[in-house]
Amino acid sequence: MLSVILCVPLCFPPRPSAFKIKKMTQPIPPITLPPPENPLLEGEWLRERLQRWLDTEFIPEAVNQNIAQRAAQIFVRQRMEGENDLGSLVIAIVTEMQSYDFSNSFYGEFAIANAVSDLLLESLGIDKCCGQ
């Protein structure tokens, strides 16, 4: 039996000329929410939308209601304290949700904070993929 071995040369790492790297000259601007007119109403909207998202992503679970409620409470408190920067709101949700017991859920604090961010971007009419 005759075996043929095909050798293909590999270059690791790729030569710099193999890829054109575009330097970003401008930082990505922060996304600022408008000042809250009614933070409690915003929180209720967020709780409802987040719970719907949680129930649709995997399966509806009783714990989803608690998770959505807790994230909405954090959001409302942050907004009442004057926080309008979306990035800061996301970090606050991640940080405070770390103490939440996710053992009965498919989710974790990062998934929740990212979902909140996506829901808020959608409500502002901003494409969550490309920021426009």
C-alpha atoms as a PDB file:
ATOM      1  CA  MET A   1       0.000   0.000   0.000  1.00  0.00           C
ATOM      2  CA  LEU A   2       1.339   3.374  -1.007  1.00  0.00           C
ATOM      3  CA  SER A   3       0.708   6.378   1.257  1.00  0.00           C
ATOM      4  CA  VAL A   4       0.990   9.955   0.122  1.00  0.00           C
ATOM      5  CA  ILE A   5       1.570  12.684   2.660  1.00  0.00           C
ATOM      6  CA  LEU A   6       0.627  16.169   1.617  1.00  0.00           C
ATOM      7  CA  CYS A   7       2.586  18.928   3.339  1.00  0.00           C
ATOM      8  CA  VAL A   8       1.161  22.411   3.504  1.00  0.00           C
ATOM      9  CA  PRO A   9       3.449  25.075   4.941  1.00  0.00           C
ATOM     10  CA  LEU A  10       1.902  27.052   7.774  1.00  0.00           C
ATOM     11  CA  CYS A  11       3.016  30.450   8.981  1.00  0.00           C
ATOM     12  CA  PHE A  12       2.293  31.243  12.603  1.00  0.00           C
ATOM     13  CA  PRO A  13       1.885  34.001  13.480  1.00  0.00           C
ATOM     14  CA  PRO A  14       0.716  35.408  10.154  1.00  0.00           C
ATOM     15  CA  ARG A  15       2.923  37.971   8.521  1.00  0.00           C
ATOM     16  CA  PRO A  16       1.852  41.570   9.255  1.00  0.00           C
ATOM     17  CA  SER A  17       1.319  42.158   5.549  1.00  0.00           C
ATOM     18  CA  ALA A  18      -1.217  39.310   5.460  1.00  0.00           C
ATOM     19  CA  PHE A  19      -3.852  41.380   7.263  1.00  0.00           C
ATOM     20  CA  LYS A  20      -4.643  45.037   7.039  1.00  0.00           C
ATOM     21  CA  ILE A  21      -5.343  46.437  10.480  1.00  0.00           C
ATOM     22  CA  LYS A  22      -7.460  49.536  10.655  1.00  0.00           C
ATOM     23  CA  LYS A  23      -6.593  51.734  13.586  1.00  0.00           C
ATOM     24  CA  MET A  24      -9.485  53.372  15.365  1.00  0.00           C
ATOM     25  CA  THR A  25      -8.756  57.039  15.741  1.00  0.00           C
ATOM     26  CA  GLN A  26     -11.880  57.869  17.707  1.00  0.00           C
ATOM     27  CA  PRO A  27     -12.952  56.196  20.947  1.00  0.00           C
ATOM     28  CA  ILE A  28     -16.393  54.651  21.036  1.00  0.00           C
ATOM     29  CA  PRO A  29     -18.676  57.282  22.538  1.00  0.00           C
ATOM     30  CA  PRO A  30     -20.578  56.396  25.702  1.00  0.00           C
ATOM     31  CA  ILE A  31     -24.286  55.783  25.456  1.00  0.00           C
ATOM     32  CA  THR A  32     -26.200  58.053  27.784  1.00  0.00           C
ATOM     33  CA  LEU A  33     -29.819  57.454  28.683  1.00  0.00           C
ATOM     34  CA  PRO A  34     -32.083  60.475  28.894  1.00  0.00           C
ATOM     35  CA  PRO A  35     -32.667  61.666  32.460  1.00  0.00           C
ATOM     36  CA  PRO A  36     -35.392  59.589  34.098  1.00  0.00           C
ATOM     37  CA  GLU A  37     -38.857  61.091  34.146  1.00  0.00           C
ATOM     38  CA  ASN A  38     -40.315  58.242  36.184  1.00  0.00           C
ATOM     39  CA  PRO A  39     -37.675  55.749  37.387  1.00  0.00           C
ATOM     40  CA  LEU A  40     -40.272  53.433  38.941  1.00  0.00           C
ATOM     41  CA  LEU A  41     -42.134  53.171  35.643  1.00  0.00           C
ATOM     42  CA  GLU A  42     -38.830  52.522  33.829  1.00  0.00           C
ATOM     43  CA  GLY A  43     -38.070  49.804  36.360  1.00  0.00           C
ATOM     44  CA  GLU A  44     -41.442  48.146  35.849  1.00  0.00           C
ATOM     45  CA  TRP A  45     -40.929  48.245  32.079  1.00  0.00           C
ATOM     46  CA  LEU A  46     -37.473  46.714  32.479  1.00  0.00           C
ATOM     47  CA  ARG A  47     -38.693  44.018  34.880  1.00  0.00           C
ATOM     48  CA  GLU A  48     -41.449  42.979  32.492  1.00  0.00           C
ATOM     49  CA  ARG A  49     -39.249  42.979  29.386  1.00  0.00           C
ATOM     50  CA  LEU A  50     -36.375  41.179  31.135  1.00  0.00           C
ATOM     51  CA  GLN A  51     -38.647  38.477  32.501  1.00  0.00           C
ATOM     52  CA  ARG A  52     -40.139  37.970  29.032  1.00  0.00           C
ATOM     53  CA  TRP A  53     -36.603  37.702  27.610  1.00  0.00           C
ATOM     54  CA  LEU A  54     -35.543  35.223  30.312  1.00  0.00           C
ATOM     55  CA  ASP A  55     -38.642  33.085  29.723  1.00  0.00           C
ATOM     56  CA  THR A  56     -38.116  33.033  25.959  1.00  0.00           C
ATOM     57  CA  GLU A  57     -34.381  32.366  25.853  1.00  0.00           C
ATOM     58  CA  PHE A  58     -34.586  28.960  27.551  1.00  0.00           C
ATOM     59  CA  ILE A  59     -37.684  27.928  29.456  1.00  0.00           C
ATOM     60  CA  PRO A  60     -40.060  29.827  31.708  1.00  0.00           C
ATOM     61  CA  GLU A  61     -38.981  29.329  35.311  1.00  0.00           C
ATOM     62  CA  ALA A  62     -40.256  30.811  38.565  1.00  0.00           C
ATOM     63  CA  VAL A  63     -36.761  32.090  39.357  1.00  0.00           C
ATOM     64  CA  ASN A  64     -36.869  34.335  36.257  1.00  0.00           C
ATOM     65  CA  GLN A  65     -39.369  36.593  38.006  1.00  0.00           C
ATOM     66  CA  ASN A  66     -37.003  37.037  40.962  1.00  0.00           C
ATOM     67  CA  ILE A  67     -34.020  37.710  38.714  1.00  0.00           C
ATOM     68  CA  ALA A  68     -35.920  40.308  36.685  1.00  0.00           C
ATOM     69  CA  GLN A  69     -37.197  41.961  39.857  1.00  0.00           C
ATOM     70  CA  ARG A  70     -33.712  42.185  41.369  1.00  0.00           C
ATOM     71  CA  ALA A  71     -32.141  43.601  38.186  1.00  0.00           C
ATOM     72  CA  ALA A  72     -34.949  46.167  37.895  1.00  0.00           C
ATOM     73  CA  GLN A  73     -34.427  47.238  41.538  1.00  0.00           C
ATOM     74  CA  ILE A  74     -30.729  47.821  40.890  1.00  0.00           C
ATOM     75  CA  PHE A  75     -31.523  49.736  37.721  1.00  0.00           C
ATOM     76  CA  VAL A  76     -34.116  51.963  39.438  1.00  0.00           C
ATOM     77  CA  ARG A  77     -31.825  52.752  42.359  1.00  0.00           C
ATOM     78  CA  GLN A  78     -28.971  53.640  40.012  1.00  0.00           C
ATOM     79  CA  ARG A  79     -31.239  55.866  37.920  1.00  0.00           C
ATOM     80  CA  MET A  80     -32.612  57.602  41.037  1.00  0.00           C
ATOM     81  CA  GLU A  81     -29.019  58.264  42.108  1.00  0.00           C
ATOM     82  CA  GLY A  82     -28.472  60.060  38.791  1.00  0.00           C
ATOM     83  CA  GLU A  83     -26.694  57.364  36.763  1.00  0.00           C
ATOM     84  CA  ASN A  84     -27.467  57.761  33.052  1.00  0.00           C
ATOM     85  CA  ASP A  85     -24.413  56.119  31.486  1.00  0.00           C
ATOM     86  CA  LEU A  86     -25.339  52.717  30.040  1.00  0.00           C
ATOM     87  CA  GLY A  87     -21.886  51.245  30.668  1.00  0.00           C
ATOM     88  CA  SER A  88     -21.996  52.237  34.337  1.00  0.00           C
ATOM     89  CA  LEU A  89     -25.496  50.808  34.696  1.00  0.00           C
ATOM     90  CA  VAL A  90     -24.346  47.493  33.222  1.00  0.00           C
ATOM     91  CA  ILE A  91     -21.347  47.349  35.562  1.00  0.00           C
ATOM     92  CA  ALA A  92     -23.589  48.108  38.551  1.00  0.00           C
ATOM     93  CA  ILE A  93     -25.941  45.276  37.581  1.00  0.00           C
ATOM     94  CA  VAL A  94     -23.057  42.815  37.122  1.00  0.00           C
ATOM     95  CA  THR A  95     -21.502  43.834  40.436  1.00  0.00           C
ATOM     96  CA  GLU A  96     -24.686  43.704  42.497  1.00  0.00           C
ATOM     97  CA  MET A  97     -26.052  40.557  40.859  1.00  0.00           C
ATOM     98  CA  GLN A  98     -22.883  38.684  41.872  1.00  0.00           C
ATOM     99  CA  SER A  99     -24.441  38.214  45.303  1.00  0.00           C
ATOM    100  CA  TYR A 100     -27.589  36.692  43.777  1.00  0.00           C
ATOM    101  CA  ASP A 101     -27.908  32.887  43.943  1.00  0.00           C
ATOM    102  CA  PHE A 102     -28.149  31.747  40.314  1.00  0.00           C
ATOM    103  CA  SER A 103     -27.958  28.035  41.209  1.00  0.00           C
ATOM    104  CA  ASN A 104     -31.613  27.490  40.162  1.00  0.00           C
ATOM    105  CA  SER A 105     -31.215  29.294  36.854  1.00  0.00           C
ATOM    106  CA  PHE A 106     -29.564  28.922  33.476  1.00  0.00           C
ATOM    107  CA  TYR A 107     -28.301  32.505  33.771  1.00  0.00           C
ATOM    108  CA  GLY A 108     -25.595  34.466  35.558  1.00  0.00           C
ATOM    109  CA  GLU A 109     -24.914  38.106  36.324  1.00  0.00           C
ATOM    110  CA  PHE A 110     -23.197  38.807  32.990  1.00  0.00           C
ATOM    111  CA  ALA A 111     -26.069  37.381  30.932  1.00  0.00           C
ATOM    112  CA  ILE A 112     -28.529  39.492  32.905  1.00  0.00           C
ATOM    113  CA  ALA A 113     -26.518  42.708  32.578  1.00  0.00           C
ATOM    114  CA  ASN A 114     -26.032  42.114  28.841  1.00  0.00           C
ATOM    115  CA  ALA A 115     -29.742  41.455  28.387  1.00  0.00           C
ATOM    116  CA  VAL A 116     -30.572  44.691  30.227  1.00  0.00           C
ATOM    117  CA  SER A 117     -28.146  46.545  27.976  1.00  0.00           C
ATOM    118  CA  ASP A 118     -29.704  45.020  24.847  1.00  0.00           C
ATOM    119  CA  LEU A 119     -33.232  45.884  25.998  1.00  0.00           C
ATOM    120  CA  LEU A 120     -32.253  49.480  26.761  1.00  0.00           C
ATOM    121  CA  LEU A 121     -30.440  49.890  23.440  1.00  0.00           C
ATOM    122  CA  GLU A 122     -33.461  48.507  21.635  1.00  0.00           C
ATOM    123  CA  SER A 123     -35.732  50.968  23.463  1.00  0.00           C
ATOM    124  CA  LEU A 124     -33.478  53.823  22.319  1.00  0.00           C
ATOM    125  CA  GLY A 125     -33.528  52.600  18.724  1.00  0.00           C
ATOM    126  CA  ILE A 126     -29.804  51.777  18.740  1.00  0.00           C
ATOM    127  CA  ASP A 127     -28.618  48.678  16.883  1.00  0.00           C
ATOM    128  CA  LYS A 128     -27.031  46.521  19.571  1.00  0.00           C
ATOM    129  CA  CYS A 129     -24.708  44.967  17.019  1.00  0.00           C
ATOM    130  CA  CYS A 130     -23.083  48.034  15.582  1.00  0.00           C
ATOM    131  CA  GLY A 131     -24.069  50.860  17.931  1.00  0.00           C
ATOM    132  CA  GLN A 132     -25.953  52.919  15.383  1.00  0.00           C
END
